Protein backbone atom coordinates (compact mmCIF):
# COMPACT_ATOMS: atom_id res chain seq x y z
CA MET A 1 0.00 0.00 0.00
CA ALA A 2 2.82 2.38 0.93
CA VAL A 3 4.70 1.48 -2.23
CA GLY A 4 1.61 2.20 -4.35
CA SER A 5 1.03 5.52 -2.56
CA HIS A 6 4.66 6.53 -3.14
CA ALA A 7 4.42 5.62 -6.82
CA THR A 8 1.22 7.65 -7.15
CA ARG A 9 2.84 10.73 -5.57
CA ARG A 10 5.88 10.35 -7.80
CA ALA A 11 3.67 10.09 -10.88
CA GLY A 12 1.78 13.20 -9.74
CA VAL A 13 5.01 15.14 -9.31
CA CYS A 14 6.23 14.08 -12.75
CA LEU A 15 2.90 15.08 -14.29
CA GLY A 16 3.06 18.45 -12.54
CA LEU A 17 6.59 19.07 -13.83
CA GLU A 18 5.54 18.17 -17.35
CA GLN A 19 2.60 20.57 -17.16
CA LEU A 20 4.91 23.29 -15.82
CA ARG A 21 7.35 22.75 -18.70
CA ALA A 22 4.48 22.79 -21.19
CA GLY A 23 3.23 26.04 -19.69
CA GLU A 24 6.71 27.57 -19.93
CA ILE A 25 6.99 26.50 -23.56
CA ARG A 26 3.57 27.97 -24.38
CA GLY A 27 4.50 31.19 -22.61
CA PHE A 28 7.77 31.41 -24.52
CA GLU A 29 5.99 30.77 -27.81
CA ARG A 30 3.41 33.47 -27.07
CA ALA A 31 6.14 35.96 -26.17
CA ARG A 32 8.04 35.11 -29.35
CA GLU A 33 4.84 35.47 -31.39
CA LEU A 34 4.33 38.92 -29.89
CA ILE A 35 7.90 40.24 -30.01
CA ALA A 36 9.40 38.70 -33.18
CA PRO A 37 7.27 40.69 -35.69
CA ALA A 38 7.98 43.89 -33.75
CA VAL A 39 11.79 43.68 -33.83
CA GLY A 40 12.19 45.78 -36.97
CA PRO A 41 9.87 48.66 -35.97
CA VAL A 42 11.19 48.63 -32.40
CA LEU A 43 14.83 48.92 -33.54
CA VAL A 44 13.97 51.82 -35.85
CA ALA A 45 12.04 53.55 -33.07
CA LEU A 46 14.85 52.97 -30.56
CA ALA A 47 17.41 54.46 -32.96
CA VAL A 48 15.24 57.56 -33.42
CA TYR A 49 14.67 57.91 -29.67
CA LEU A 50 18.34 57.56 -28.79
CA GLY A 51 19.37 60.00 -31.52
CA MET A 52 16.77 62.55 -30.45
CA LEU A 53 17.70 62.27 -26.77
CA PHE A 54 21.42 62.54 -27.57
CA VAL A 55 20.85 65.80 -29.45
CA LEU A 56 18.50 67.06 -26.74
CA LEU A 57 20.76 66.24 -23.80
CA ARG A 58 23.73 67.72 -25.59
CA LEU A 59 21.98 71.10 -25.39
CA PHE A 60 22.10 70.77 -21.59
CA ASP A 61 25.64 69.33 -21.33
CA PHE A 62 24.03 65.92 -20.77
CA ASN A 63 22.34 67.10 -17.60
CA PRO A 64 19.07 65.09 -17.41
CA THR A 65 17.25 67.85 -15.52
CA GLY A 66 17.35 70.08 -18.61
CA PRO A 67 14.47 68.45 -20.53
CA ILE A 68 12.26 68.66 -17.43
CA HIS A 69 12.06 72.48 -17.82
CA ILE A 70 11.80 73.36 -14.15
CA GLY A 71 10.47 76.84 -13.45
CA ALA A 72 11.18 78.95 -10.38
CA HIS A 73 7.72 80.41 -9.78
CA LEU A 74 6.94 77.93 -6.96
CA PRO A 75 9.18 77.23 -3.94
CA ALA A 76 10.26 73.69 -4.73
CA GLU A 77 13.88 73.96 -3.65
CA ARG A 78 13.54 70.78 -1.57
CA PHE A 79 13.67 68.81 -4.84
CA TRP A 80 16.65 70.67 -6.34
CA ASN A 81 20.38 70.22 -5.89
CA GLU A 82 23.45 71.92 -7.29
CA GLN A 83 23.11 70.04 -10.60
CA THR A 84 19.42 70.91 -11.17
CA ILE A 85 18.81 73.24 -14.09
CA VAL A 86 16.17 75.80 -13.08
CA GLU A 87 14.76 78.24 -15.63
CA ARG A 88 14.65 81.34 -13.44
CA ASP A 89 12.74 83.54 -15.87
CA SER A 90 10.23 80.91 -16.95
CA ALA A 91 7.18 79.14 -15.57
CA GLY A 92 8.68 75.88 -16.83
CA TYR A 93 6.72 73.08 -18.47
CA ASP A 94 4.57 70.16 -17.35
CA GLY A 95 7.52 67.80 -16.93
CA GLN A 96 8.39 69.59 -13.68
CA TRP A 97 5.15 68.34 -12.06
CA PHE A 98 6.01 64.71 -12.82
CA PHE A 99 9.52 65.35 -11.48
CA TYR A 100 8.07 66.57 -8.18
CA LEU A 101 5.44 63.80 -8.02
CA ALA A 102 8.15 61.16 -8.51
CA HIS A 103 9.65 62.27 -5.20
CA ASP A 104 6.37 61.61 -3.40
CA PRO A 105 3.98 59.46 -5.48
CA ALA A 106 2.14 58.21 -2.36
CA LEU A 107 0.99 61.73 -1.47
CA ARG A 108 2.68 61.80 1.92
CA ALA A 109 3.68 65.48 1.91
CA ASP A 110 1.49 67.80 3.98
CA ASP A 111 2.04 70.81 1.72
CA PRO A 112 1.72 69.79 -1.97
CA TYR A 113 0.21 73.22 -2.68
CA ALA A 114 3.66 74.66 -2.03
CA PHE A 115 5.24 73.02 -5.08
CA LEU A 116 2.30 72.07 -7.36
CA ASP A 117 0.01 74.48 -9.18
CA PHE A 118 -3.05 72.19 -9.07
CA PRO A 119 -2.14 69.39 -6.63
CA ALA A 120 -5.34 67.31 -6.88
CA TYR A 121 -5.30 67.53 -10.68
CA ARG A 122 -1.59 66.69 -10.94
CA TYR A 123 -1.81 63.75 -8.52
CA ALA A 124 -4.56 62.20 -10.67
CA ARG A 125 -1.76 61.40 -13.17
CA VAL A 126 0.26 59.42 -10.68
CA LEU A 127 1.17 56.32 -12.71
CA TYR A 128 4.15 57.69 -14.65
CA PRO A 129 5.84 59.29 -11.60
CA THR A 130 5.18 56.10 -9.61
CA LEU A 131 6.99 54.04 -12.25
CA VAL A 132 9.80 56.59 -12.22
CA TRP A 133 10.06 56.41 -8.41
CA ALA A 134 10.14 52.60 -8.54
CA SER A 135 12.75 52.44 -11.31
CA SER A 136 14.95 54.96 -9.49
CA LEU A 137 14.63 52.86 -6.29
CA GLY A 138 13.42 55.99 -4.54
CA ARG A 139 16.77 57.76 -4.97
CA PRO A 140 16.21 61.47 -5.76
CA ASP A 141 19.46 61.79 -7.73
CA ALA A 142 18.33 59.01 -10.12
CA ILE A 143 14.86 60.44 -10.82
CA PRO A 144 15.85 62.73 -13.76
CA TRP A 145 17.39 59.79 -15.65
CA ALA A 146 14.48 57.53 -14.69
CA LEU A 147 12.04 60.00 -16.25
CA LEU A 148 13.75 59.46 -19.60
CA VAL A 149 14.27 55.70 -19.27
CA VAL A 150 10.68 54.92 -18.25
CA ASN A 151 9.36 56.87 -21.21
CA VAL A 152 11.65 55.13 -23.69
CA ILE A 153 10.61 51.72 -22.36
CA GLY A 154 6.97 52.76 -22.46
CA ALA A 155 7.20 54.01 -26.04
CA LEU A 156 8.89 50.78 -27.16
CA ALA A 157 6.29 48.67 -25.34
CA GLY A 158 3.58 50.70 -27.04
CA THR A 159 5.23 50.05 -30.40
CA ILE A 160 5.15 46.29 -29.75
CA ALA A 161 1.45 46.59 -28.88
CA ALA A 162 0.85 48.62 -32.05
CA VAL A 163 2.47 45.86 -34.13
CA ASP A 164 0.15 43.35 -32.48
CA ILE A 165 -2.87 45.55 -33.31
CA LEU A 166 -1.79 45.69 -36.94
CA ARG A 167 -1.28 41.92 -37.00
CA SER A 168 -4.82 41.42 -35.76
CA LEU A 169 -6.12 43.78 -38.45
CA GLY A 170 -4.04 42.23 -41.22
CA ALA A 171 -2.01 45.41 -41.86
CA SER A 172 1.73 45.99 -42.28
CA ARG A 173 3.74 45.94 -39.06
CA TRP A 174 5.73 48.95 -40.26
CA LEU A 175 2.67 51.14 -39.79
CA ALA A 176 3.48 50.85 -36.07
CA LEU A 177 6.09 53.55 -36.69
CA ALA A 178 3.19 55.98 -37.06
CA PHE A 179 2.52 55.28 -33.38
CA ALA A 180 6.18 55.21 -32.32
CA LEU A 181 6.97 58.53 -34.02
CA SER A 182 3.67 60.27 -33.37
CA PRO A 183 3.77 63.83 -31.97
CA ALA A 184 2.44 62.82 -28.55
CA ILE A 185 5.14 60.16 -28.10
CA LEU A 186 8.03 62.34 -29.30
CA ILE A 187 6.89 65.39 -27.31
CA GLY A 188 6.47 63.23 -24.21
CA LEU A 189 9.96 61.78 -24.61
CA ALA A 190 11.55 65.19 -25.17
CA THR A 191 9.90 66.92 -22.21
CA ASP A 192 9.38 64.14 -19.62
CA LEU A 193 5.59 63.90 -19.90
CA ALA A 194 3.19 61.01 -19.26
CA GLU A 195 2.04 60.48 -22.86
CA PRO A 196 4.39 57.58 -23.75
CA THR A 197 3.25 55.61 -20.69
CA ALA A 198 -0.42 56.46 -21.22
CA PHE A 199 -0.39 55.69 -24.95
CA ALA A 200 1.48 52.42 -24.41
CA LEU A 201 -1.28 51.21 -22.08
CA VAL A 202 -3.99 52.31 -24.52
CA ALA A 203 -2.24 50.44 -27.34
CA ALA A 204 -1.87 47.36 -25.13
CA GLY A 205 -5.55 47.54 -24.20
CA VAL A 206 -6.63 47.77 -27.84
CA ALA A 207 -4.34 44.86 -28.76
CA LEU A 208 -5.88 42.73 -26.00
CA TYR A 209 -9.36 43.77 -27.14
CA LEU A 210 -8.66 42.48 -30.63
CA ARG A 211 -7.41 39.23 -29.11
CA ARG A 212 -10.70 39.05 -27.19
CA ARG A 213 -8.87 39.14 -23.86
CA HIS A 214 -11.44 41.54 -22.46
CA GLY A 215 -10.67 41.03 -18.78
CA TRP A 216 -6.99 41.88 -19.21
CA ALA A 217 -7.80 44.67 -21.67
CA GLY A 218 -10.16 46.33 -19.21
CA LEU A 219 -7.62 46.07 -16.39
CA VAL A 220 -4.80 47.57 -18.49
CA LEU A 221 -7.01 50.42 -19.67
CA GLY A 222 -8.31 51.06 -16.16
CA VAL A 223 -4.76 51.38 -14.84
CA GLY A 224 -3.92 53.55 -17.86
CA ALA A 225 -6.41 56.16 -16.65
CA LEU A 226 -3.94 56.82 -13.80
CA ALA A 227 -1.47 58.08 -16.41
CA ARG A 228 -3.85 60.47 -18.17
CA GLU A 229 -7.46 60.81 -17.09
CA VAL A 230 -8.67 61.21 -20.69
CA SER A 231 -7.54 57.61 -21.27
CA ALA A 232 -10.64 56.56 -19.31
CA LEU A 233 -12.69 57.39 -22.41
CA VAL A 234 -11.19 54.36 -24.19
CA PRO A 235 -12.59 51.65 -21.85
CA LEU A 236 -15.83 53.62 -21.54
CA ALA A 237 -16.25 53.53 -25.31
CA PHE A 238 -15.49 49.79 -25.36
CA ALA A 239 -18.06 49.28 -22.58
CA ALA A 240 -20.69 51.36 -24.39
CA HIS A 241 -20.12 49.44 -27.62
CA ALA A 242 -20.54 46.15 -25.75
CA ALA A 243 -23.67 47.42 -23.95
CA VAL A 244 -25.31 48.37 -27.26
CA ARG A 245 -24.78 44.75 -28.32
CA LYS A 246 -26.19 43.67 -24.92
CA ASN A 247 -22.96 41.92 -24.06
CA TRP A 248 -23.11 42.85 -20.40
CA ARG A 249 -20.18 40.71 -19.34
CA GLU A 250 -17.88 42.45 -21.80
CA ALA A 251 -19.27 45.85 -20.80
CA ALA A 252 -18.49 45.07 -17.15
CA ALA A 253 -14.95 43.96 -18.06
CA TYR A 254 -14.23 47.49 -19.31
CA SER A 255 -16.24 49.54 -16.83
CA MET A 256 -15.45 47.84 -13.51
CA PRO A 257 -11.63 48.39 -13.60
CA LEU A 258 -12.33 52.12 -13.72
CA MET A 259 -12.96 51.77 -10.00
CA ILE A 260 -9.15 51.81 -9.69
CA PRO A 261 -8.72 55.46 -10.79
CA ILE A 262 -12.00 56.39 -9.06
CA GLY A 263 -10.64 54.97 -5.81
CA TRP A 264 -7.40 56.91 -6.23
CA HIS A 265 -9.36 60.12 -6.90
CA CYS A 266 -11.31 59.53 -3.69
CA TRP A 267 -8.01 59.15 -1.79
CA ILE A 268 -6.84 62.47 -3.29
CA TRP A 269 -10.09 64.07 -2.13
CA MET A 270 -9.59 62.71 1.38
CA ARG A 271 -5.99 63.97 1.53
CA LEU A 272 -6.36 67.31 -0.22
CA GLY A 273 -10.04 68.16 0.14
CA ALA A 274 -10.54 68.50 -3.62
CA LEU A 275 -11.37 66.15 -6.46
CA PRO A 276 -9.05 66.28 -9.49
CA PHE A 277 -11.73 67.31 -12.00
CA VAL A 278 -12.84 70.18 -9.75
CA GLU A 279 -9.31 71.59 -9.54
CA ALA A 280 -8.50 71.01 -13.23
CA PRO A 281 -7.65 74.06 -15.36
CA HIS A 282 -10.24 75.31 -17.83
CA ASN A 283 -9.34 73.06 -20.77
CA PHE A 284 -12.76 73.09 -22.43
CA GLY A 285 -14.99 75.67 -24.07
CA LEU A 286 -17.32 76.23 -26.99
CA PRO A 287 -16.98 73.97 -30.07
CA LEU A 288 -13.76 74.74 -31.97
CA SER A 289 -13.06 77.72 -29.69
CA GLY A 290 -9.49 76.57 -29.06
CA ALA A 291 -8.65 75.80 -32.69
CA VAL A 292 -10.20 79.06 -33.94
CA TYR A 293 -8.36 81.02 -31.27
CA ARG A 294 -4.98 79.53 -32.19
CA ALA A 295 -5.53 80.00 -35.91
CA GLY A 296 -6.57 83.62 -35.34
CA PHE A 297 -3.50 84.22 -33.19
CA LEU A 298 -1.16 82.78 -35.83
CA LEU A 299 -2.77 84.94 -38.52
CA GLY A 300 -2.46 88.09 -36.40
CA ILE A 301 -6.23 88.49 -36.03
CA GLN A 302 -6.51 87.40 -32.40
CA PRO A 303 -4.37 89.02 -29.65
CA PRO A 304 -2.77 86.61 -27.15
CA LEU A 305 -4.99 85.81 -24.17
CA LEU A 306 -2.57 83.58 -22.26
CA GLY A 307 0.75 85.35 -22.60
CA GLU A 308 1.96 83.26 -25.54
CA PRO A 309 5.12 84.39 -27.34
CA ALA A 310 4.78 85.82 -30.82
CA PRO A 311 4.55 83.09 -33.50
CA PHE A 312 7.43 82.25 -35.78
CA ARG A 313 7.54 83.97 -39.14
CA ASN A 314 6.41 80.87 -41.02
CA VAL A 315 3.17 79.63 -39.48
CA SER A 316 1.99 77.56 -42.44
CA LEU A 317 2.95 74.20 -40.87
CA GLU A 318 1.02 74.81 -37.66
CA LEU A 319 -1.97 76.19 -39.56
CA THR A 320 -1.94 73.03 -41.67
CA VAL A 321 -1.90 70.84 -38.56
CA ILE A 322 -4.82 72.83 -37.13
CA GLY A 323 -6.79 72.45 -40.37
CA VAL A 324 -6.12 68.72 -40.54
CA SER A 325 -7.09 68.29 -36.88
CA ILE A 326 -10.40 70.08 -37.43
CA ALA A 327 -11.08 67.95 -40.51
CA ILE A 328 -10.38 64.75 -38.54
CA MET A 329 -12.79 65.87 -35.79
CA LEU A 330 -15.57 66.56 -38.28
CA VAL A 331 -14.99 63.26 -40.09
CA GLY A 332 -14.87 61.45 -36.77
CA LEU A 333 -18.20 62.84 -35.65
CA THR A 334 -19.89 61.54 -38.79
CA LYS A 335 -17.98 58.26 -39.10
CA VAL A 336 -20.22 56.54 -36.55
CA LEU A 337 -23.25 57.29 -38.73
CA ARG A 338 -21.81 55.10 -41.48
CA ARG A 339 -19.94 52.52 -39.40
CA ARG A 340 -20.89 51.14 -36.01
CA ASP A 341 -17.69 49.21 -35.27
CA VAL A 342 -15.76 49.98 -32.12
CA PHE A 343 -13.03 52.05 -33.81
CA ALA A 344 -15.68 54.35 -35.31
CA VAL A 345 -17.17 54.74 -31.83
CA GLN A 346 -13.75 55.51 -30.33
CA LEU A 347 -13.03 58.05 -33.08
CA SER A 348 -16.37 59.80 -32.51
CA VAL A 349 -15.79 60.02 -28.75
CA HIS A 350 -12.34 61.56 -29.14
CA SER A 351 -13.52 63.84 -31.94
CA ALA A 352 -16.19 65.23 -29.62
CA LEU A 353 -13.59 65.71 -26.90
CA GLY A 354 -11.23 67.55 -29.25
CA LEU A 355 -14.06 69.70 -30.60
CA PHE A 356 -14.69 71.21 -27.16
CA THR A 357 -11.06 71.88 -26.18
CA GLY A 358 -10.52 75.52 -25.36
CA PRO A 359 -7.75 78.08 -25.90
CA LEU A 360 -5.70 76.79 -22.95
CA VAL A 361 -5.13 73.50 -24.81
CA TRP A 362 -4.23 75.34 -28.02
CA THR A 363 -1.54 77.63 -26.61
CA ASP A 364 1.11 76.03 -28.85
CA LEU A 365 1.68 73.14 -31.24
CA PHE A 366 3.25 71.00 -28.52
CA SER A 367 0.18 71.36 -26.33
CA PHE A 368 -2.64 70.51 -28.71
CA ALA A 369 -0.67 67.91 -30.67
CA ARG A 370 -0.24 65.76 -27.56
CA VAL A 371 -3.73 66.41 -26.14
CA LEU A 372 -5.24 65.26 -29.46
CA GLY A 373 -2.95 62.23 -29.62
CA LEU A 374 -5.73 59.67 -29.08
CA LEU A 375 -7.82 61.38 -31.76
CA TYR A 376 -5.01 60.85 -34.28
CA LEU A 377 -4.51 57.26 -33.08
CA PHE A 378 -8.13 56.20 -33.51
CA TYR A 379 -8.43 58.03 -36.81
CA GLY A 380 -5.55 55.92 -38.07
CA LEU A 381 -7.19 52.76 -36.76
CA ALA A 382 -10.53 53.76 -38.31
CA LEU A 383 -8.81 53.87 -41.72
CA LEU A 384 -7.94 50.18 -41.36
CA PRO A 385 -10.43 47.31 -41.79
CA ALA A 386 -13.23 47.32 -39.24
CA PRO A 387 -12.33 44.98 -36.34
CA ARG A 388 -15.76 43.38 -36.61
CA ASP A 389 -14.96 42.24 -40.15
CA VAL A 390 -11.49 41.05 -39.17
CA LEU A 391 -12.76 39.06 -36.19
CA ALA A 392 -15.57 37.55 -38.24
CA ARG A 393 -13.08 36.53 -40.92
CA ALA A 394 -10.80 35.01 -38.27
CA GLY A 395 -13.76 33.08 -36.88
CA ARG A 396 -14.66 31.68 -40.29
CA THR A 397 -11.03 30.65 -40.85
CA ALA A 398 -10.87 28.87 -37.48
CA GLU A 399 -14.16 27.08 -38.23
CA ALA A 400 -12.89 25.99 -41.65
CA LYS A 401 -9.71 24.59 -40.09
CA HIS A 402 -11.76 22.72 -37.51
CA LEU A 403 -13.97 21.16 -40.17
CA ALA A 404 -10.95 20.25 -42.29
CA SER A 405 -9.37 18.41 -39.38
């Protein structure tokens, strides 16, 4: 009896080891399937990123605090040292807020109003500075380099996800470079902003959606809303599309993970006494008010309202970008009338958002090009075959293979 019991346990152990090895092999094969097609686009993107950052850092004698653009209008000396580049005559740029948040992502400081302009609003975008804090091992002197490294890794991960999206849609993998070299990604890399992290998670969520991994897709997109709050529109649109089809389980998979950012916003409210959306700057206005304001300013018709510097002599490029952006918004709003697939829905949602952005968003090309990044992304995806058709075709192919076997 004892001998038989021992043999049974030994057989069970052997079976468990075989299953573990099989699982490892399947995991390796899945990783290879995901990464191998992306090698070419990722290497091109990495070369562009490294070249751009080399040129950029050279302007600051390879001091990584230069691209952060730290202003001196708030007393944040506790985060500076003798190597920190501070722009004394400037308000700085948004990268400085992520630099400060990376020193205290858990919101432990009692006086965030001393070094942040809108503390509740800034802390809503906590994911990128949290990743920076973790990758720097909490060492303040490593945070400026970590800001750059995390964004490069995020942009490359997003490129891999973009290749997987294109594979699912039957398009060329090289189109992923449109994501990798998009304005939002490049601006984010150059100025230490959250866009590369946020866009990588959106791309990963869309890739998982096309693979019908809705639980994981919803979780990734829910966490992504902690990088940029506007990213929450992506899972909401997926949930609405599923609800229209009365697929309540799928709708819940995309809506329930949004409790993660909602919970974090409640914690901010408890700590600071203000909700992020209440403290947010006035980014919205009448339809096309921001685009019309910027175009009028560039043409010399509209005086500056926000203290913007005078435009460069040649404004034709920016005017072209403004015109194209308006055209995409108008096309996006009507696309859903002709197509009801999920990319048409996403495009319409982000077109409506862009339509109501106000002058504060359109203060310069860097600002509106990154804010409208998801609009450009879903317009590009809407130009590709509808995911409904692709998934239906994949289902018919799988059924044919099953019958043939």
